[in-house]
C-alpha cells in the first residue's frame, strides 16, 4: 500500500529518508517530546508526511471496509483472493500497483536506518542537555544581579575598645 500511496516501497522510504543530520532523524512522526528510539527508525510510516499519511490511511480504511463487508456476507476468501482483490481495489482507485521487488531490500533499509540512528545518538549526546542550558542561563542572570553589601559592624566608641 506504500507504493500505491507515494510510489516507493516501505524499504525505499526508510533508505531514502533516514538521515542522522535531520531533525528527529527525518522522522515525521515521533513519540511525545520528539523522542526517537531505535525501533521507530525501521518503520516506514514514521517517515511519511501528513499528506502521505492521509492518503495511506484512506486506502487502508477503504480496504478494511471492503474486508468487513466480505466478512458480514460470510464470503470465504484465501490469501490469494485477498491479494487479487487488493490489486483490483487499487486499480479501481487509480493507484499504481507494485509489480517488482523494489530497489532496496527490507534488510538493507533496516541496516541503513540503524547506522543512521547510531550516528544520530552520537550527535545528540554531543549536544548540551536542556538542564545544562537552563543552568548556564540562570548563572548568567545571577551575575547580572547587584551584589549584596556586607553589613557594617557598628562603630565602637572609646569605652567599648577595652
Protein backbone atom coordinates (compact mmCIF):
# COMPACT_ATOMS: atom_id res chain seq x y z
CA UNK A 1 0.00 0.00 0.00
CA UNK A 2 3.03 2.26 0.39
CA UNK A 3 3.64 2.00 -3.34
CA UNK A 4 0.05 2.99 -4.09
CA UNK A 5 0.38 5.94 -1.72
CA UNK A 6 3.64 7.58 -2.83
CA UNK A 7 5.39 5.39 -5.40
CA UNK A 8 8.02 3.86 -3.10
CA UNK A 9 8.23 0.60 -1.20
CA UNK A 10 8.45 0.77 2.59
CA UNK A 11 12.14 -0.17 2.39
CA UNK A 12 12.82 2.60 -0.14
CA UNK A 13 11.14 5.17 2.11
CA UNK A 14 13.31 4.15 5.05
CA UNK A 15 16.52 4.05 2.99
CA UNK A 16 15.85 7.44 1.37
CA UNK A 17 14.57 9.36 4.40
CA UNK A 18 16.54 8.05 7.39
CA UNK A 19 19.11 10.81 7.92
CA UNK A 20 21.00 11.47 11.16
CA UNK A 21 21.66 15.09 10.18
CA UNK A 22 17.95 15.96 10.02
CA UNK A 23 15.77 16.88 12.99
CA UNK A 24 14.33 13.73 14.56
CA UNK A 25 16.43 11.74 12.05
CA UNK A 26 13.96 12.57 9.28
CA UNK A 27 11.00 11.04 11.10
CA UNK A 28 7.74 12.90 10.64
CA UNK A 29 6.06 11.02 13.48
CA UNK A 30 7.81 10.67 16.82
CA UNK A 31 6.99 9.76 20.38
CA UNK A 32 5.80 12.53 22.71
CA UNK A 33 8.55 15.06 23.28
CA UNK A 34 10.23 14.25 19.97
CA UNK A 35 11.95 11.17 21.35
CA UNK A 36 13.41 8.90 18.65
CA UNK A 37 14.01 5.27 19.55
CA UNK A 38 15.82 2.61 17.56
CA UNK A 39 12.57 0.71 16.99
CA UNK A 40 10.99 3.81 15.42
CA UNK A 41 13.54 4.24 12.63
CA UNK A 42 12.70 0.93 10.94
CA UNK A 43 9.03 1.81 10.40
CA UNK A 44 8.38 3.43 7.02
CA UNK A 45 5.11 5.01 8.14
CA UNK A 46 7.05 7.17 10.62
CA UNK A 47 8.79 8.96 7.73
CA UNK A 48 5.62 9.86 5.82
CA UNK A 49 4.43 13.44 5.57
CA UNK A 50 0.99 14.41 6.81
CA UNK A 51 -0.48 14.31 3.30
CA UNK A 52 1.11 10.91 2.57
CA UNK A 53 -0.30 9.56 5.83
CA UNK A 54 -3.77 10.83 4.97
CA UNK A 55 -3.69 9.05 1.61
CA UNK A 56 -2.33 5.81 3.13
CA UNK A 57 -4.91 5.87 5.92
CA UNK A 58 -7.74 6.38 3.46
CA UNK A 59 -6.59 3.49 1.27
CA UNK A 60 -6.29 1.23 4.33
CA UNK A 61 -9.66 2.30 5.74
CA UNK A 62 -11.45 1.74 2.44
CA UNK A 63 -9.91 -1.70 2.08
CA UNK A 64 -10.81 -2.62 5.66
CA UNK A 65 -14.40 -1.57 4.98
CA UNK A 66 -14.40 -3.87 1.95
CA UNK A 67 -12.94 -6.72 4.03
CA UNK A 68 -15.57 -6.22 6.73
CA UNK A 69 -18.31 -6.30 4.10
CA UNK A 70 -16.94 -9.61 2.83
CA UNK A 71 -16.93 -10.96 6.39
CA UNK A 72 -20.51 -9.80 7.04
CA UNK A 73 -21.60 -11.61 3.90
CA UNK A 74 -19.65 -14.67 5.13
CA UNK A 75 -17.68 -14.95 1.91
CA UNK A 76 -14.69 -17.23 2.44
CA UNK A 77 -11.51 -15.81 0.96
CA UNK A 78 -7.98 -17.16 0.73
CA UNK A 79 -4.84 -15.03 0.94
CA UNK A 80 -4.57 -15.29 -2.83
CA UNK A 81 -8.13 -13.91 -3.09
CA UNK A 82 -7.27 -11.00 -0.78
CA UNK A 83 -4.17 -10.11 -2.80
CA UNK A 84 -6.14 -10.21 -6.05
CA UNK A 85 -8.93 -8.09 -4.54
CA UNK A 86 -6.41 -5.58 -3.21
CA UNK A 87 -4.90 -5.25 -6.69
CA UNK A 88 -8.39 -4.77 -8.17
CA UNK A 89 -9.24 -2.25 -5.48
CA UNK A 90 -6.07 -0.23 -6.09
CA UNK A 91 -6.60 -0.29 -9.87
CA UNK A 92 -10.20 0.87 -9.45
CA UNK A 93 -8.92 3.70 -7.23
CA UNK A 94 -6.48 4.79 -9.94
CA UNK A 95 -3.48 3.82 -7.81
CA UNK A 96 -0.30 2.27 -9.20
CA UNK A 97 0.43 -1.38 -8.47
CA UNK A 98 3.80 -2.62 -7.29
CA UNK A 99 4.94 -5.11 -9.90
CA UNK A 100 8.55 -5.62 -8.79
CA UNK A 101 10.51 -6.16 -5.59
CA UNK A 102 11.64 -2.55 -5.29
CA UNK A 103 15.16 -1.18 -5.41
CA UNK A 104 16.03 -1.64 -1.71
CA UNK A 105 15.66 -4.78 0.38
CA UNK A 106 13.98 -4.60 3.77
CA UNK A 107 17.22 -5.79 5.40
CA UNK A 108 19.34 -3.12 3.68
CA UNK A 109 16.85 -0.44 4.72
CA UNK A 110 16.86 -1.67 8.32
CA UNK A 111 20.66 -1.69 8.45
CA UNK A 112 20.90 1.80 6.99
CA UNK A 113 18.30 3.14 9.44
CA UNK A 114 20.17 1.60 12.37
CA UNK A 115 23.51 3.07 11.21
CA UNK A 116 21.89 6.48 10.88
CA UNK A 117 20.32 6.06 14.31
CA UNK A 118 23.71 5.32 15.93
CA UNK A 119 25.16 8.43 14.28
CA UNK A 120 22.10 10.46 15.37
CA UNK A 121 22.55 9.32 19.01
CA UNK A 122 26.20 10.40 18.93
CA UNK A 123 25.20 13.82 17.60
CA UNK A 124 22.55 14.17 20.31
CA UNK A 125 24.93 13.06 23.05
CA UNK A 126 27.42 15.72 21.94
CA UNK A 127 24.82 18.47 22.34
CA UNK A 128 24.25 20.10 25.72
CA UNK A 129 21.24 18.78 27.60
CA UNK A 130 18.37 21.14 28.39
CA UNK A 131 19.27 21.12 32.09
CA UNK A 132 22.78 22.34 31.21
CA UNK A 133 21.39 25.11 29.02
CA UNK A 134 18.98 26.18 31.77
CA UNK A 135 21.78 26.16 34.36
CA UNK A 136 24.02 28.37 32.20
CA UNK A 137 21.15 30.78 31.61
CA UNK A 138 20.39 31.00 35.35
CA UNK A 139 24.08 31.54 36.15
CA UNK A 140 24.25 34.47 33.68
CA UNK A 141 21.13 36.01 35.21
CA UNK A 142 22.62 35.72 38.70
CA UNK A 143 25.76 37.54 37.58
CA UNK A 144 23.59 40.47 36.47
CA UNK A 145 22.09 40.92 39.94
CA UNK A 146 23.70 43.53 42.24
CA UNK A 147 25.95 42.02 44.86
CA UNK A 148 24.67 42.35 48.39
CA UNK A 149 26.71 44.66 50.63
CA UNK A 150 28.35 43.27 53.69
CA UNK A 151 26.66 44.60 56.78
CA UNK A 152 28.80 47.20 58.56
CA UNK A 153 29.87 46.46 62.02
CA UNK A 154 28.73 49.11 64.47
CA UNK A 155 31.37 51.66 65.37
CA UNK A 156 32.92 51.17 68.66
CA UNK A 157 33.39 54.08 70.91
CA UNK A 158 36.47 54.61 73.12
CA UNK A 159 34.84 52.92 76.09
CA UNK A 160 33.97 49.82 74.04
CA UNK A 161 37.52 49.23 72.82
CA UNK A 162 38.74 47.90 76.10
